[in-house]
């Protein structure tokens, strides 16, 4: 079985850069990813985030699909509890009409931001995550036009009507998301880059409890992980040091002006409290040369029973980022 590689780009903003520049970089990376042989290119949803530019994946997806021609474009993901399943279905149906056979509808239930943004998105109300399973069902029914007569919105169409339908991917980093993906018969992407613990157990539970659906007959498991790749281990560690520091600052709520440079990260005086967390965070990352990264990716896929690994990279220098993705593509996709 050939292992597929894909990319999730969060449009990170480096210190001294701008959101506009980072979005241009995302588009350039998508074009390169298509050339290098990656399977899909997803973008994320983050709100009130000074260090990440992607707040509306569906809009960014339209742009990325326009500047590419064959790579699958998707959301990693739309945070469904903030929105009407009907409107989300219309967004994806329109994308599918414009770019048939190339769109992925990745959905999750995380807030995608701090409580203030959540309240604003929900017009001052609490976000009801308990309705998420029903929202997933509604989204599926709207996309496939299979609303039952007993449903209060029976007869309502999510337009435009399309011949093909984008697949719904369940995204998550917990056992509950794996269980829901299995129950609904959906492909499942585990976010190892968010949670370095419990992923293998969640993936096993997903495979063992998977219930076939009309759109998917057997489990389809993938895993997303932070990574950094360079021609030497020393250079890979230098690049990854920016992410090490970013994660530490973010976890403590320390304001950041963007992804710090390796020069800043390498001289940062980590406290005794912070040092163990840097080590712990490395469970969410794959770092090394093309050969060592390949070995780690293949082991990760084997541990998860996955046939696809999605790579997530946050780096200070965009050229370092491009080089990382090119090196591992040359190692594994040629």
Protein backbone atom coordinates (compact mmCIF):
# COMPACT_ATOMS: atom_id res chain seq x y z
CA UNK A 1 0.00 0.00 0.00
CA UNK A 2 1.42 3.37 -1.05
CA UNK A 3 1.49 5.90 1.75
CA UNK A 4 -0.02 9.24 0.75
CA UNK A 5 1.25 12.58 1.99
CA UNK A 6 -0.87 15.71 2.35
CA UNK A 7 -0.51 19.19 3.83
CA UNK A 8 -2.45 21.21 6.37
CA UNK A 9 -1.43 24.86 6.27
CA UNK A 10 -2.50 27.21 9.07
CA UNK A 11 -1.17 30.32 7.28
CA UNK A 12 1.17 31.17 10.18
CA UNK A 13 2.48 34.73 10.43
CA UNK A 14 6.17 35.16 11.22
CA UNK A 15 7.44 37.98 13.43
CA UNK A 16 7.89 41.07 11.26
CA UNK A 17 5.58 39.72 8.54
CA UNK A 18 1.89 40.29 7.77
CA UNK A 19 -1.28 38.26 7.31
CA UNK A 20 -1.41 39.24 3.64
CA UNK A 21 2.08 37.89 3.08
CA UNK A 22 1.33 34.65 4.89
CA UNK A 23 -1.78 34.06 2.75
CA UNK A 24 0.32 34.57 -0.38
CA UNK A 25 2.73 31.98 1.00
CA UNK A 26 -0.16 29.55 1.53
CA UNK A 27 -1.14 29.88 -2.12
CA UNK A 28 2.46 29.41 -3.26
CA UNK A 29 2.80 26.32 -1.09
CA UNK A 30 -0.41 24.85 -2.56
CA UNK A 31 0.94 25.28 -6.09
CA UNK A 32 4.24 23.65 -5.12
CA UNK A 33 2.45 20.82 -3.26
CA UNK A 34 0.51 19.95 -6.40
CA UNK A 35 3.74 19.87 -8.41
CA UNK A 36 5.48 17.69 -5.83
CA UNK A 37 2.71 15.06 -5.70
CA UNK A 38 0.88 15.69 -2.42
CA UNK A 39 -2.65 14.24 -2.31
CA UNK A 40 -4.57 17.07 -0.65
CA UNK A 41 -4.05 20.56 0.73
CA UNK A 42 -6.20 21.69 3.65
CA UNK A 43 -6.49 25.03 5.45
CA UNK A 44 -7.61 25.73 9.00
CA UNK A 45 -10.04 27.95 10.87
CA UNK A 46 -8.73 30.20 13.66
CA UNK A 47 -10.39 33.27 15.14
CA UNK A 48 -8.94 36.35 16.85
CA UNK A 49 -5.47 34.90 16.24
CA UNK A 50 -2.65 37.38 15.71
CA UNK A 51 -0.27 34.63 14.61
CA UNK A 52 -2.50 32.67 12.17
CA UNK A 53 -4.19 34.27 9.13
CA UNK A 54 -6.74 31.60 8.17
CA UNK A 55 -10.12 32.55 9.66
CA UNK A 56 -12.46 31.43 6.85
CA UNK A 57 -11.37 28.17 5.19
CA UNK A 58 -14.11 28.09 2.56
CA UNK A 59 -13.07 31.46 1.13
CA UNK A 60 -9.39 30.55 1.15
CA UNK A 61 -10.23 27.18 -0.44
CA UNK A 62 -11.85 28.92 -3.40
CA UNK A 63 -8.67 30.90 -4.01
CA UNK A 64 -6.41 27.87 -3.63
CA UNK A 65 -8.52 25.75 -5.97
CA UNK A 66 -8.30 28.56 -8.54
CA UNK A 67 -4.49 28.72 -8.47
CA UNK A 68 -4.13 24.91 -8.66
CA UNK A 69 -5.63 22.37 -11.06
CA UNK A 70 -5.61 18.84 -9.63
CA UNK A 71 -4.69 18.61 -5.93
CA UNK A 72 -7.64 18.13 -3.56
CA UNK A 73 -8.47 21.26 -1.56
CA UNK A 74 -10.18 21.06 1.82
CA UNK A 75 -10.94 22.45 5.24
CA UNK A 76 -9.03 21.32 8.25
CA UNK A 77 -11.59 22.19 9.33
CA UNK A 78 -14.84 24.12 9.54
CA UNK A 79 -15.83 24.37 13.21
CA UNK A 80 -19.43 23.29 12.69
CA UNK A 81 -20.99 24.21 16.08
CA UNK A 82 -20.50 27.90 15.25
CA UNK A 83 -22.65 27.70 12.13
CA UNK A 84 -25.79 26.51 10.41
CA UNK A 85 -25.25 23.11 8.79
CA UNK A 86 -27.39 24.36 5.90
CA UNK A 87 -25.12 27.32 5.17
CA UNK A 88 -21.99 25.16 5.47
CA UNK A 89 -23.55 22.71 3.00
CA UNK A 90 -24.24 25.54 0.56
CA UNK A 91 -20.65 26.75 0.83
CA UNK A 92 -19.30 23.30 0.01
CA UNK A 93 -21.85 22.64 -2.72
CA UNK A 94 -20.80 25.88 -4.40
CA UNK A 95 -17.13 24.95 -4.11
CA UNK A 96 -17.93 21.52 -5.55
CA UNK A 97 -19.80 23.11 -8.46
CA UNK A 98 -16.81 25.32 -9.22
CA UNK A 99 -14.16 22.62 -8.72
CA UNK A 100 -15.89 19.23 -9.14
CA UNK A 101 -14.17 16.24 -7.59
CA UNK A 102 -11.52 18.29 -5.80
CA UNK A 103 -13.19 19.48 -2.56
CA UNK A 104 -12.99 17.96 0.96
CA UNK A 105 -15.40 19.04 3.69
CA UNK A 106 -13.40 18.58 6.89
CA UNK A 107 -15.39 19.44 10.03
CA UNK A 108 -14.68 19.58 13.75
CA UNK A 109 -16.19 20.83 16.98
CA UNK A 110 -13.25 22.72 18.52
CA UNK A 111 -13.81 26.44 19.14
CA UNK A 112 -10.95 27.59 16.92
CA UNK A 113 -10.21 30.47 19.26
CA UNK A 114 -10.58 31.87 22.75
CA UNK A 115 -13.97 32.30 24.50
CA UNK A 116 -14.36 35.91 23.38
CA UNK A 117 -14.31 34.86 19.72
CA UNK A 118 -16.69 31.99 20.44
CA UNK A 119 -19.24 34.34 22.01
CA UNK A 120 -18.95 36.72 19.07
CA UNK A 121 -19.44 33.90 16.55
CA UNK A 122 -22.52 32.75 18.42
CA UNK A 123 -23.92 36.25 18.95
CA UNK A 124 -23.27 36.20 22.68
CA UNK A 125 -24.69 32.72 23.28
CA UNK A 126 -22.89 29.66 24.57
CA UNK A 127 -21.63 27.31 21.88
CA UNK A 128 -23.67 24.09 22.03
CA UNK A 129 -21.28 21.27 21.12
CA UNK A 130 -23.92 18.68 22.02
CA UNK A 131 -25.72 19.40 18.76
CA UNK A 132 -22.59 18.54 16.75
CA UNK A 133 -23.57 14.90 15.94
CA UNK A 134 -26.96 16.09 14.62
CA UNK A 135 -25.24 18.86 12.67
CA UNK A 136 -23.01 16.26 11.02
CA UNK A 137 -26.10 14.28 10.04
CA UNK A 138 -27.81 17.41 8.72
CA UNK A 139 -24.73 18.41 6.73
CA UNK A 140 -24.64 14.96 5.14
CA UNK A 141 -28.35 15.10 4.31
CA UNK A 142 -28.07 18.57 2.78
CA UNK A 143 -25.05 17.60 0.70
CA UNK A 144 -26.70 14.40 -0.58
CA UNK A 145 -30.27 15.76 -0.71
CA UNK A 146 -31.58 12.95 1.50
CA UNK A 147 -33.62 14.87 4.08
CA UNK A 148 -36.35 12.53 5.43
CA UNK A 149 -40.01 13.56 5.43
CA UNK A 150 -40.04 13.68 9.23
CA UNK A 151 -37.35 16.38 9.28
CA UNK A 152 -38.72 19.90 9.85
CA UNK A 153 -36.80 21.14 6.79
CA UNK A 154 -37.89 18.35 4.45
CA UNK A 155 -37.85 19.55 0.85
CA UNK A 156 -35.23 22.23 1.46
CA UNK A 157 -32.39 22.09 -1.07
CA UNK A 158 -28.77 23.08 -0.46
CA UNK A 159 -27.93 24.78 -3.71
CA UNK A 160 -26.43 24.71 -6.22
CA UNK A 161 -27.37 21.14 -7.12
CA UNK A 162 -24.27 19.21 -8.16
CA UNK A 163 -23.53 15.84 -9.73
CA UNK A 164 -20.72 15.14 -7.30
CA UNK A 165 -20.61 15.70 -3.53
CA UNK A 166 -17.57 16.59 -1.40
CA UNK A 167 -16.76 13.91 1.20
CA UNK A 168 -17.17 14.85 4.86
CA UNK A 169 -14.06 14.20 6.96
CA UNK A 170 -14.32 14.04 10.73
CA UNK A 171 -11.42 15.83 12.40
CA UNK A 172 -10.49 15.34 16.02
CA UNK A 173 -7.92 14.79 18.74
CA UNK A 174 -9.91 12.74 21.25
CA UNK A 175 -11.58 9.33 21.66
CA UNK A 176 -15.03 10.94 21.33
CA UNK A 177 -14.30 12.26 17.84
CA UNK A 178 -12.99 8.85 16.79
CA UNK A 179 -16.13 7.19 18.13
CA UNK A 180 -18.38 9.65 16.30
CA UNK A 181 -16.50 9.18 13.01
CA UNK A 182 -16.90 5.41 13.38
CA UNK A 183 -20.60 5.71 14.21
CA UNK A 184 -21.30 7.96 11.23
CA UNK A 185 -19.17 5.94 8.79
CA UNK A 186 -16.90 8.88 7.96
CA UNK A 187 -13.18 9.13 7.19
CA UNK A 188 -11.23 10.23 10.26
CA UNK A 189 -8.24 12.55 10.59
CA UNK A 190 -6.57 12.44 14.01
CA UNK A 191 -4.81 15.69 14.94
CA UNK A 192 -1.59 14.39 16.46
CA UNK A 193 -0.18 17.90 16.16
CA UNK A 194 -2.78 19.05 18.69
CA UNK A 195 -2.71 16.08 21.05
CA UNK A 196 0.37 13.89 21.30
CA UNK A 197 -1.33 11.38 23.61
CA UNK A 198 -3.96 8.72 22.98
CA UNK A 199 -4.04 8.91 19.21
CA UNK A 200 -3.16 5.28 18.57
CA UNK A 201 -5.88 4.12 20.97
CA UNK A 202 -8.43 6.42 19.32
CA UNK A 203 -7.46 5.18 15.86
CA UNK A 204 -7.78 1.55 16.96
CA UNK A 205 -11.23 2.23 18.41
CA UNK A 206 -12.26 3.94 15.17
CA UNK A 207 -11.23 0.96 13.06
CA UNK A 208 -12.77 -1.63 15.37
CA UNK A 209 -16.15 0.11 15.77
CA UNK A 210 -16.51 1.54 12.26
CA UNK A 211 -20.01 1.21 10.82
CA UNK A 212 -20.15 1.20 7.00
CA UNK A 213 -22.17 4.00 5.44
CA UNK A 214 -23.49 4.71 1.96
CA UNK A 215 -20.44 6.88 1.27
CA UNK A 216 -17.72 4.77 2.94
CA UNK A 217 -17.66 0.98 3.23
CA UNK A 218 -14.50 0.55 5.30
CA UNK A 219 -12.47 2.72 7.72
CA UNK A 220 -10.40 5.51 6.19
CA UNK A 221 -7.84 6.69 8.74
CA UNK A 222 -5.32 9.51 8.44
CA UNK A 223 -3.16 11.40 10.92
CA UNK A 224 -1.84 14.98 10.95
CA UNK A 225 1.47 15.86 12.61
CA UNK A 226 3.87 18.81 12.95
CA UNK A 227 7.13 18.33 11.09
CA UNK A 228 10.38 19.95 10.00
CA UNK A 229 12.81 18.48 7.50
CA UNK A 230 16.26 19.59 6.37
CA UNK A 231 19.39 18.12 4.82
CA UNK A 232 21.04 17.78 8.24
CA UNK A 233 19.69 17.00 11.69
CA UNK A 234 21.23 20.22 13.02
CA UNK A 235 19.42 22.36 10.44
CA UNK A 236 16.12 20.57 11.06
CA UNK A 237 16.47 21.21 14.80
CA UNK A 238 17.27 24.86 14.13
CA UNK A 239 14.10 25.27 12.06
CA UNK A 240 11.96 23.38 14.61
CA UNK A 241 13.20 25.57 17.47
CA UNK A 242 10.78 28.29 16.32
CA UNK A 243 7.83 25.94 16.81
CA UNK A 244 9.20 24.76 20.16
CA UNK A 245 9.11 28.32 21.46
CA UNK A 246 5.78 29.19 19.81
CA UNK A 247 4.04 26.27 21.52
CA UNK A 248 5.49 27.16 24.92
CA UNK A 249 4.48 30.82 24.69
CA UNK A 250 1.00 29.95 23.42
CA UNK A 251 0.37 27.42 26.19
CA UNK A 252 1.14 30.07 28.81
CA UNK A 253 -0.94 32.76 27.15
CA UNK A 254 2.12 34.93 26.56
CA UNK A 255 1.40 37.46 23.78
CA UNK A 256 3.27 36.80 20.56
CA UNK A 257 3.93 38.94 17.48
CA UNK A 258 4.22 35.87 15.29
CA UNK A 259 6.43 32.84 14.78
CA UNK A 260 9.82 33.70 16.36
CA UNK A 261 13.07 33.35 14.46
CA UNK A 262 15.38 30.40 15.21
CA UNK A 263 17.96 32.91 16.41
CA UNK A 264 15.51 34.16 19.04
CA UNK A 265 14.30 30.67 19.92
CA UNK A 266 17.78 29.18 20.37
CA UNK A 267 18.76 31.77 22.99
CA UNK A 268 15.43 31.77 24.82
CA UNK A 269 16.02 31.04 28.55
CA UNK A 270 13.64 28.14 29.11
CA UNK A 271 12.68 27.76 32.76
CA UNK A 272 12.70 24.48 34.67
CA UNK A 273 8.91 24.51 34.28
CA UNK A 274 9.07 24.99 30.52
CA UNK A 275 11.83 22.50 29.63
CA UNK A 276 9.75 19.33 30.25
CA UNK A 277 6.93 20.79 28.16
CA UNK A 278 9.28 21.30 25.21
CA UNK A 279 10.15 17.60 25.42
CA UNK A 280 6.48 16.65 25.77
CA UNK A 281 5.53 18.74 22.74
CA UNK A 282 7.97 16.77 20.61
CA UNK A 283 5.44 13.92 20.72
CA UNK A 284 3.46 16.10 18.33
CA UNK A 285 6.37 16.63 15.94
CA UNK A 286 8.53 14.78 13.44
CA UNK A 287 11.94 16.43 12.92
CA UNK A 288 15.01 15.34 10.98
CA UNK A 289 16.61 14.61 7.62
CA UNK A 290 14.57 13.18 4.73
CA UNK A 291 15.53 9.62 5.64
CA UNK A 292 14.84 9.96 9.38
CA UNK A 293 11.60 11.86 8.73
CA UNK A 294 10.51 9.18 6.28
CA UNK A 295 11.16 6.49 8.87
CA UNK A 296 9.15 8.38 11.50
CA UNK A 297 6.27 9.06 9.11
CA UNK A 298 6.07 5.42 8.09
CA UNK A 299 6.14 4.32 11.73
CA UNK A 300 3.42 6.85 12.62
CA UNK A 301 1.24 5.57 9.78
CA UNK A 302 1.78 1.97 10.86
CA UNK A 303 0.93 2.79 14.49
CA UNK A 304 -2.31 4.49 13.41
CA UNK A 305 -3.26 2.00 10.71
CA UNK A 306 -3.31 5.00 8.36
CA UNK A 307 -2.67 5.16 4.63
CA UNK A 308 -2.20 8.93 4.69
CA UNK A 309 -0.17 11.36 6.78
CA UNK A 310 -0.90 15.08 6.73
CA UNK A 311 2.09 17.29 7.47
CA UNK A 312 1.75 20.59 9.34
CA UNK A 313 4.67 23.00 9.44
CA UNK A 314 5.16 26.30 11.25
CA UNK A 315 8.48 27.94 10.45
CA UNK A 316 9.88 31.44 10.64
CA UNK A 317 11.40 31.40 7.13
CA UNK A 318 9.04 30.44 4.30
CA UNK A 319 11.97 29.17 2.21
CA UNK A 320 12.80 26.71 5.00
CA UNK A 321 9.19 25.58 4.87
CA UNK A 322 9.20 25.08 1.12
CA UNK A 323 12.47 23.17 1.31
CA UNK A 324 11.14 20.87 4.04
CA UNK A 325 8.08 19.88 2.02
CA UNK A 326 10.15 19.46 -1.14
CA UNK A 327 12.76 17.28 0.55
CA UNK A 328 10.25 14.82 2.01
CA UNK A 329 8.28 14.77 -1.27
CA UNK A 330 11.45 13.84 -3.15
CA UNK A 331 12.13 11.15 -0.56
CA UNK A 332 8.65 9.59 -0.50
CA UNK A 333 6.59 10.67 -3.51
CA UNK A 334 8.98 10.28 -6.44
